[in-house]
Amino acid sequence: MNQERLKVLFQQYLNDNLSPKDLEELQRTIQDGRNDELLDELLKNAFTEPAFADVEDELRQSVFDAIQTKINRPKNDEVENIHLKRRMPYRWLAGVAALLVIAISVGLFFQKKNVEKPENTYVAYSIKPGGNKATLTLANGKKLILTDSLEGQLANEAGVKISKTKKGEIIYTATAGNDKGNKLQYNILSTKNGEQFQIILPDGTHVWLDAASSLKYPVTFIGNERKVELTGQGYFEVSHNAAKPFIVKTSQTEVQVLGTHFNVSAFDDEQDTKTTLLEGAVRIKSYKAAVLLKPGEQAVLNNSKQLIINNDIDVNREIAWKNGLFDFKKAGVEEIMLKVSRWYDINVKYEGAIPETRLTGKISRNVDIKGLLSILQFEGIKWRIQGRTVIITN
């Protein structure tokens, strides 16, 4: 292959526009070794892409060195292969460009080790990440499907105008005829797997709703409290009102606040209900106990109904989903794939024992699923795809 052809294929890979046949050609060329000098230059250029600009220099250099090591490794150096693989850190990267570069080295690694690559991996090209979409159920039972394309006024209930902004937020605005003496009427904002949405409640509270979640709330807050009901996960920036506390009710706990920033995770398929406080103060109640949280603390209601305060947390990791990231610390494969399945709307199955590998690092939630799976493969975890089911093998 001439050098111009290599440049074209490499750029197409970074642009996520390379066919399976061309990908095999690119991998064969990399393995050939006659274009190592040009490949080194292409790798260096890839690491200057804007999507990779925020990654720390040390992390960028460690990954670049690892990729070059794999590319330049002698084919008969099997002992060194095993040694280096064990030394590789469990680091995930933000940025599509970096992920795709790693994916190339992953394919090369499996070729050089003569390990059979996972079947049907190219089916993953059609599995995209989730996006801004939700269903709004009005008080009269009418359901509105909310997408990026839908804007403007959606409905008017109990003297409150419901509209969607260009930023993708639902906003409730009291109109001149709003009667605060009306009976409470409730709306429900719900997301399926692969969906997320934002809403500004009638009191000005801003809520981010994760995939597979729902928020039930009144069209207007009447009385001496502001109570909403949450399933799944939501991040709240509560509008301050000392006379009217804000309460988030889940199936297991109640979180009471005056004005603060916090995250609640209460998925039915997870054992623990977690409330993480970023700013202000909150009071958490369960059936058996109550605790007060300070910023930087997390209340965990475990499967035994014990309410525990956890001080050893990274609050940014807890709200990474809101900021468009997966962020894991020594996370097992099952935990990772549970979160991935919600966002990509896929099923996950395991053949044999679940791998014991634990991973630490960040990765964008905006990459195609092949980026995530390539990282798993990079760490020696095998997988294949059948339809919308990812099968992890051991």
Protein backbone atom coordinates (compact mmCIF):
# COMPACT_ATOMS: atom_id res chain seq x y z
CA MET A 1 0.00 0.00 0.00
CA ASN A 2 1.33 3.45 -0.85
CA GLN A 3 1.53 6.15 1.80
CA GLU A 4 -1.30 8.24 0.38
CA ARG A 5 -3.64 5.25 0.63
CA LEU A 6 -2.61 4.74 4.26
CA LYS A 7 -3.34 8.40 5.04
CA VAL A 8 -6.78 8.15 3.46
CA LEU A 9 -7.71 4.97 5.34
CA PHE A 10 -6.42 6.32 8.63
CA GLN A 11 -8.43 9.53 8.29
CA GLN A 12 -11.54 7.59 7.32
CA TYR A 13 -11.13 5.53 10.47
CA LEU A 14 -10.90 8.66 12.63
CA ASN A 15 -14.03 9.98 10.91
CA ASP A 16 -15.87 6.72 11.64
CA ASN A 17 -16.36 6.15 7.92
CA LEU A 18 -14.35 3.00 7.21
CA SER A 19 -15.91 -0.17 5.88
CA PRO A 20 -15.03 -3.57 7.37
CA LYS A 21 -13.06 -4.46 4.23
CA ASP A 22 -11.02 -1.24 4.36
CA LEU A 23 -10.46 -1.70 8.09
CA GLU A 24 -8.89 -5.11 7.44
CA GLU A 25 -6.68 -3.48 4.79
CA LEU A 26 -5.59 -0.82 7.26
CA GLN A 27 -4.79 -3.39 9.94
CA ARG A 28 -2.77 -5.51 7.50
CA THR A 29 -0.78 -2.43 6.51
CA ILE A 30 -0.07 -1.51 10.12
CA GLN A 31 1.07 -5.05 10.88
CA ASP A 32 3.30 -5.10 7.80
CA GLY A 33 5.72 -2.68 9.48
CA ARG A 34 7.00 -0.94 6.34
CA ASN A 35 5.07 2.25 7.11
CA ASP A 36 5.91 2.59 10.82
CA GLU A 37 7.45 6.05 10.40
CA LEU A 38 4.37 7.43 8.66
CA LEU A 39 2.08 5.66 11.13
CA ASP A 40 3.92 7.26 14.06
CA GLU A 41 3.32 10.65 12.48
CA LEU A 42 -0.37 9.91 11.90
CA LEU A 43 -0.75 8.83 15.51
CA LYS A 44 0.88 12.01 16.76
CA ASN A 45 -1.45 14.10 14.60
CA ALA A 46 -4.48 12.16 15.84
CA PHE A 47 -3.60 13.04 19.41
CA THR A 48 -3.87 16.75 18.55
CA GLU A 49 -7.53 16.39 17.53
CA PRO A 50 -9.87 18.78 19.42
CA ALA A 51 -11.78 15.85 20.92
CA PHE A 52 -8.59 14.77 22.69
CA ALA A 53 -7.45 18.23 23.78
CA ASP A 54 -8.73 18.00 27.37
CA VAL A 55 -6.96 14.75 28.18
CA GLU A 56 -4.01 15.13 30.54
CA ASP A 57 -0.55 15.09 28.93
CA GLU A 58 0.59 12.17 31.08
CA LEU A 59 -2.42 10.08 30.09
CA ARG A 60 -2.06 10.98 26.42
CA GLN A 61 1.62 10.01 26.44
CA SER A 62 1.01 6.71 28.26
CA VAL A 63 -1.61 5.64 25.74
CA PHE A 64 0.49 6.79 22.78
CA ASP A 65 3.47 4.82 24.11
CA ALA A 66 1.28 1.76 24.60
CA ILE A 67 -0.04 1.94 21.04
CA GLN A 68 3.44 2.35 19.60
CA THR A 69 4.68 -0.57 21.70
CA LYS A 70 1.96 -2.81 20.30
CA ILE A 71 2.62 -1.67 16.72
CA ASN A 72 6.39 -2.12 16.91
CA ARG A 73 6.39 -5.32 18.97
CA PRO A 74 8.23 -8.28 17.34
CA LYS A 75 5.84 -10.98 16.16
CA ASN A 76 7.72 -13.78 17.93
CA ASP A 77 7.97 -11.97 21.27
CA GLU A 78 5.12 -13.83 22.96
CA VAL A 79 6.56 -13.60 26.47
CA GLU A 80 6.94 -9.83 26.18
CA ASN A 81 3.37 -9.60 24.86
CA ILE A 82 2.00 -11.15 28.03
CA HIS A 83 4.22 -9.04 30.26
CA LEU A 84 3.23 -5.76 28.63
CA LYS A 85 -0.43 -6.64 28.62
CA ARG A 86 -0.34 -7.11 32.37
CA ARG A 87 1.42 -3.78 32.79
CA MET A 88 -1.15 -1.85 30.78
CA PRO A 89 -3.17 0.49 33.06
CA TYR A 90 -6.95 0.32 33.10
CA ARG A 91 -7.43 3.72 31.49
CA TRP A 92 -10.31 4.84 29.38
CA LEU A 93 -10.15 7.97 27.28
CA ALA A 94 -12.43 10.85 26.43
CA GLY A 95 -12.54 11.73 22.76
CA VAL A 96 -13.56 9.84 19.66
CA ALA A 97 -10.20 10.21 17.98
CA ALA A 98 -8.35 8.58 20.84
CA LEU A 99 -10.82 5.72 21.02
CA LEU A 100 -10.51 4.97 17.34
CA VAL A 101 -6.72 5.00 17.49
CA ILE A 102 -6.85 2.53 20.35
CA ALA A 103 -9.30 0.39 18.41
CA ILE A 104 -6.73 0.05 15.61
CA SER A 105 -4.12 -1.16 18.09
CA VAL A 106 -6.69 -3.56 19.56
CA GLY A 107 -7.28 -5.19 16.21
CA LEU A 108 -3.53 -5.41 15.64
CA PHE A 109 -2.98 -6.94 19.07
CA PHE A 110 -5.43 -9.75 18.35
CA GLN A 111 -3.86 -10.38 14.96
CA LYS A 112 -0.34 -10.59 16.35
CA LYS A 113 -1.40 -12.85 19.18
CA ASN A 114 -3.29 -15.09 16.72
CA VAL A 115 -6.37 -14.78 18.88
CA GLU A 116 -9.69 -15.20 17.17
CA LYS A 117 -11.45 -11.84 16.97
CA PRO A 118 -15.05 -11.57 18.20
CA GLU A 119 -17.74 -12.50 15.72
CA ASN A 120 -20.14 -9.97 14.23
CA THR A 121 -18.27 -6.99 15.67
CA TYR A 122 -19.20 -4.84 12.70
CA VAL A 123 -22.87 -5.12 13.54
CA ALA A 124 -21.93 -2.73 16.35
CA TYR A 125 -21.52 0.05 13.79
CA SER A 126 -25.31 0.45 13.76
CA ILE A 127 -25.71 0.71 17.56
CA LYS A 128 -25.57 4.40 18.38
CA PRO A 129 -25.49 6.07 21.80
CA GLY A 130 -28.62 7.47 23.39
CA GLY A 131 -29.87 11.01 22.94
CA ASN A 132 -32.31 13.69 24.05
CA LYS A 133 -35.74 12.11 23.95
CA ALA A 134 -38.53 11.48 26.45
CA THR A 135 -42.26 11.02 26.90
CA LEU A 136 -44.34 13.65 28.69
CA THR A 137 -47.63 12.36 30.12
CA LEU A 138 -50.06 15.19 30.82
CA ALA A 139 -52.65 15.27 33.61
CA ASN A 140 -55.40 14.26 31.16
CA GLY A 141 -53.43 11.17 30.13
CA LYS A 142 -52.27 12.52 26.79
CA LYS A 143 -48.71 11.49 25.91
CA LEU A 144 -46.29 13.73 24.04
CA ILE A 145 -43.13 12.28 22.47
CA LEU A 146 -40.35 14.81 23.02
CA THR A 147 -37.49 14.95 20.54
CA ASP A 148 -34.85 17.48 19.47
CA SER A 149 -37.03 18.58 16.56
CA LEU A 150 -40.06 19.47 18.71
CA GLU A 151 -40.09 23.08 19.97
CA GLY A 152 -42.52 25.71 21.27
CA GLN A 153 -45.66 25.45 23.37
CA LEU A 154 -46.76 21.89 24.05
CA ALA A 155 -49.80 22.33 26.30
CA ASN A 156 -51.55 24.55 28.85
CA GLU A 157 -52.72 22.98 32.10
CA ALA A 158 -54.08 24.54 35.30
CA GLY A 159 -53.07 27.98 34.08
CA VAL A 160 -49.49 26.85 33.35
CA LYS A 161 -47.90 26.97 29.90
CA ILE A 162 -45.74 23.94 29.08
CA SER A 163 -43.15 24.57 26.38
CA LYS A 164 -39.90 23.17 25.00
CA THR A 165 -36.89 25.39 24.31
CA LYS A 166 -34.26 25.16 21.57
CA LYS A 167 -31.85 23.90 24.25
CA GLY A 168 -34.03 20.81 24.68
CA GLU A 169 -35.56 21.71 28.07
CA ILE A 170 -39.17 21.49 29.18
CA ILE A 171 -40.25 24.70 30.96
CA TYR A 172 -43.37 25.36 33.03
CA THR A 173 -44.50 29.00 33.11
CA ALA A 174 -47.44 30.36 35.16
CA THR A 175 -49.87 32.43 33.08
CA ALA A 176 -52.00 35.38 34.14
CA GLY A 177 -55.00 33.16 34.80
CA ASN A 178 -53.13 30.72 37.00
CA ASP A 179 -55.27 29.74 40.00
CA LYS A 180 -53.06 28.49 42.83
CA GLY A 181 -56.12 27.12 44.59
CA ASN A 182 -56.59 24.42 41.99
CA LYS A 183 -56.33 20.77 42.90
CA LEU A 184 -52.90 19.28 42.22
CA GLN A 185 -52.50 18.00 38.70
CA TYR A 186 -49.51 15.82 37.86
CA ASN A 187 -47.32 15.38 34.82
CA ILE A 188 -44.83 12.55 34.31
CA LEU A 189 -41.60 12.91 32.35
CA SER A 190 -40.19 9.47 31.51
CA THR A 191 -37.24 8.14 29.55
CA LYS A 192 -36.63 4.71 28.09
CA ASN A 193 -33.27 3.03 27.62
CA GLY A 194 -31.20 5.22 25.33
CA GLU A 195 -32.97 8.45 26.29
CA GLN A 196 -32.27 11.44 28.55
CA PHE A 197 -33.92 14.82 29.09
CA GLN A 198 -33.93 18.07 31.07
CA ILE A 199 -36.80 19.93 32.68
CA ILE A 200 -37.30 23.19 34.55
CA LEU A 201 -40.10 22.70 37.06
CA PRO A 202 -42.72 25.35 37.90
CA ASP A 203 -40.61 26.64 40.83
CA GLY A 204 -37.48 27.05 38.68
CA THR A 205 -35.81 23.82 39.83
CA HIS A 206 -33.66 22.31 37.07
CA VAL A 207 -33.69 18.50 36.70
CA TRP A 208 -31.59 16.26 34.47
CA LEU A 209 -33.21 12.85 33.93
CA ASP A 210 -31.07 9.85 33.01
CA ALA A 211 -32.04 6.90 30.81
CA ALA A 212 -34.67 4.42 32.11
CA SER A 213 -35.98 6.99 34.60
CA SER A 214 -39.15 8.93 35.39
CA LEU A 215 -40.13 12.05 37.31
CA LYS A 216 -43.68 12.70 38.55
CA TYR A 217 -44.42 16.27 39.62
CA PRO A 218 -47.34 18.70 40.00
CA VAL A 219 -48.06 21.26 37.29
CA THR A 220 -48.02 23.87 40.09
CA PHE A 221 -46.61 23.47 43.61
CA ILE A 222 -49.50 24.07 46.02
CA GLY A 223 -49.27 24.02 49.81
CA ASN A 224 -46.26 24.07 52.11
CA GLU A 225 -43.98 21.64 50.23
CA ARG A 226 -42.69 20.81 46.76
CA LYS A 227 -42.77 17.05 46.34
CA VAL A 228 -41.76 15.03 43.27
CA GLU A 229 -41.35 11.27 42.74
CA LEU A 230 -38.32 9.75 41.03
CA THR A 231 -37.46 6.35 39.60
CA GLY A 232 -34.07 5.73 38.04
CA GLN A 233 -31.60 8.62 38.25
CA GLY A 234 -31.90 12.39 38.34
CA TYR A 235 -29.69 15.35 39.09
CA PHE A 236 -31.39 18.30 40.80
CA GLU A 237 -30.50 21.98 41.10
CA VAL A 238 -33.25 23.11 43.45
CA SER A 239 -34.56 26.66 43.49
CA HIS A 240 -34.26 28.04 47.03
CA ASN A 241 -37.45 28.54 49.02
CA ALA A 242 -37.02 28.33 52.80
CA ALA A 243 -40.78 28.34 53.37
CA LYS A 244 -41.46 25.45 51.03
CA PRO A 245 -38.98 22.51 51.23
CA PHE A 246 -38.33 20.44 48.14
CA ILE A 247 -38.79 16.66 48.55
CA VAL A 248 -37.69 13.88 46.21
CA LYS A 249 -39.47 10.62 46.93
CA THR A 250 -38.17 7.25 45.68
CA SER A 251 -39.46 3.78 46.43
CA GLN A 252 -37.08 3.55 49.40
CA THR A 253 -36.18 7.05 50.58
CA GLU A 254 -37.19 10.69 50.80
CA VAL A 255 -34.71 13.52 50.22
CA GLN A 256 -35.71 16.85 51.75
CA VAL A 257 -33.96 20.09 50.79
CA LEU A 258 -34.45 23.86 50.74
CA GLY A 259 -32.16 24.78 47.87
CA THR A 260 -29.20 22.71 46.78
CA HIS A 261 -27.50 20.56 44.12
CA PHE A 262 -27.67 16.79 44.49
CA ASN A 263 -27.96 13.51 42.59
CA VAL A 264 -30.33 10.64 43.33
CA SER A 265 -29.83 7.16 41.89
CA ALA A 266 -32.73 4.78 42.53
CA PHE A 267 -32.84 2.20 39.76
CA ASP A 268 -35.02 -0.84 40.33
CA ASP A 269 -32.31 -3.15 38.97
CA GLU A 270 -29.65 -1.88 41.42
CA GLN A 271 -29.54 -2.90 45.07
CA ASP A 272 -28.50 0.48 46.50
CA THR A 273 -30.34 3.80 46.50
CA LYS A 274 -27.76 6.61 46.53
CA THR A 275 -28.09 10.32 47.22
CA THR A 276 -24.99 12.44 46.58
CA LEU A 277 -24.79 16.05 47.78
CA LEU A 278 -22.76 18.64 45.88
CA GLU A 279 -23.98 21.89 47.45
CA GLY A 280 -26.19 22.89 50.39
CA ALA A 281 -27.70 20.39 52.82
CA VAL A 282 -30.22 17.57 52.55
CA ARG A 283 -32.01 15.25 54.94
CA ILE A 284 -32.46 11.63 53.86
CA LYS A 285 -35.23 9.50 55.36
CA SER A 286 -35.75 5.76 54.98
CA TYR A 287 -38.25 3.51 56.71
CA LYS A 288 -35.85 2.93 59.60
CA ALA A 289 -33.54 5.93 59.86
CA ALA A 290 -32.73 9.52 58.85
CA VAL A 291 -29.40 11.25 58.20
CA LEU A 292 -28.18 14.74 57.33
CA LEU A 293 -25.70 15.10 54.46
CA LYS A 294 -22.96 17.66 54.00
CA PRO A 295 -21.46 18.57 50.61
CA GLY A 296 -19.21 15.79 49.32
CA GLU A 297 -21.10 13.06 51.16
CA GLN A 298 -23.31 10.26 49.88
CA ALA A 299 -26.15 8.47 51.65
CA VAL A 300 -26.51 4.81 50.63
CA LEU A 301 -29.55 2.72 51.47
CA ASN A 302 -28.32 -0.82 50.92
CA ASN A 303 -30.16 -4.07 50.29
CA SER A 304 -30.40 -4.67 54.05
CA LYS A 305 -32.25 -1.34 54.46
CA GLN A 306 -29.28 0.16 56.30
CA LEU A 307 -28.72 3.88 55.69
CA ILE A 308 -24.99 4.59 55.54
CA ILE A 309 -23.03 7.81 54.94
CA ASN A 310 -20.11 7.42 52.52
CA ASN A 311 -17.41 10.11 52.71
CA ASP A 312 -15.01 8.43 50.28
CA ILE A 313 -16.57 9.51 46.99
CA ASP A 314 -15.80 11.60 43.94
CA VAL A 315 -18.90 13.73 43.41
CA ASN A 316 -17.89 14.43 39.81
CA ARG A 317 -17.90 10.70 39.13
CA GLU A 318 -21.41 10.41 40.54
CA ILE A 319 -22.76 13.04 38.14
CA ALA A 320 -20.58 12.14 35.16
CA TRP A 321 -23.65 10.83 33.30
CA LYS A 322 -25.16 14.35 33.40
CA ASN A 323 -21.96 15.73 31.85
CA GLY A 324 -21.90 13.18 29.01
CA LEU A 325 -19.41 10.72 30.47
CA PHE A 326 -19.08 7.22 31.83
CA ASP A 327 -16.69 7.44 34.80
CA PHE A 328 -15.66 4.27 36.63
CA LYS A 329 -13.35 3.43 39.50
CA LYS A 330 -12.38 -0.21 39.87
CA ALA A 331 -15.72 -1.13 38.34
CA GLY A 332 -16.54 -4.72 37.45
CA VAL A 333 -17.70 -5.76 34.00
CA GLU A 334 -21.25 -6.43 35.19
CA GLU A 335 -21.57 -2.93 36.70
CA ILE A 336 -20.17 -1.33 33.55
CA MET A 337 -22.40 -3.26 31.17
CA LEU A 338 -25.51 -2.51 33.26
CA LYS A 339 -24.96 1.22 32.74
CA VAL A 340 -23.99 0.71 29.10
CA SER A 341 -27.15 -1.34 28.43
CA ARG A 342 -29.38 1.51 29.64
CA TRP A 343 -27.69 4.15 27.51
CA TYR A 344 -27.32 2.14 24.30
CA ASP A 345 -30.63 0.28 24.73
CA ILE A 346 -29.06 -3.16 24.39
CA ASN A 347 -29.32 -6.50 26.14
CA VAL A 348 -26.27 -8.09 27.78
CA LYS A 349 -25.65 -11.80 28.21
CA TYR A 350 -22.71 -13.70 29.68
CA GLU A 351 -21.31 -17.01 28.46
CA GLY A 352 -19.35 -18.68 31.22
CA ALA A 353 -18.20 -16.87 34.33
CA ILE A 354 -18.38 -13.08 34.36
CA PRO A 355 -14.85 -11.69 33.83
CA GLU A 356 -13.24 -10.44 37.04
CA THR A 357 -11.43 -7.55 35.34
CA ARG A 358 -11.93 -4.16 37.00
CA LEU A 359 -11.59 -0.92 35.08
CA THR A 360 -10.93 2.67 36.07
CA GLY A 361 -11.30 5.72 33.84
CA LYS A 362 -13.59 7.90 31.75
CA ILE A 363 -15.15 7.61 28.32
CA SER A 364 -17.63 9.76 26.45
CA ARG A 365 -21.27 8.62 26.32
CA ASN A 366 -21.42 10.00 22.77
CA VAL A 367 -19.27 7.34 21.07
CA ASP A 368 -20.71 4.41 19.18
CA ILE A 369 -20.82 1.22 21.19
CA LYS A 370 -17.89 -0.20 19.26
CA GLY A 371 -15.65 2.31 21.03
CA LEU A 372 -16.64 0.91 24.41
CA LEU A 373 -16.40 -2.69 23.29
CA SER A 374 -12.98 -2.08 21.76
CA ILE A 375 -11.74 -0.94 25.16
CA LEU A 376 -13.09 -4.12 26.77
CA GLN A 377 -11.34 -6.13 24.08
CA PHE A 378 -8.20 -4.07 24.71
CA GLU A 379 -8.29 -5.37 28.28
CA GLY A 380 -8.65 -8.99 27.15
CA ILE A 381 -12.44 -9.30 27.48
CA LYS A 382 -14.02 -11.08 24.53
CA TRP A 383 -17.44 -10.18 23.15
CA ARG A 384 -19.69 -10.59 20.16
CA ILE A 385 -22.94 -9.04 19.04
CA GLN A 386 -26.16 -10.65 17.89
CA GLY A 387 -28.77 -8.08 16.93
CA ARG A 388 -29.01 -5.72 19.90
CA THR A 389 -27.54 -8.23 22.35
CA VAL A 390 -23.92 -8.02 23.48
CA ILE A 391 -22.55 -11.38 24.58
CA ILE A 392 -19.56 -11.32 26.94
CA THR A 393 -17.61 -14.58 26.82
CA ASN A 394 -15.07 -16.07 29.21
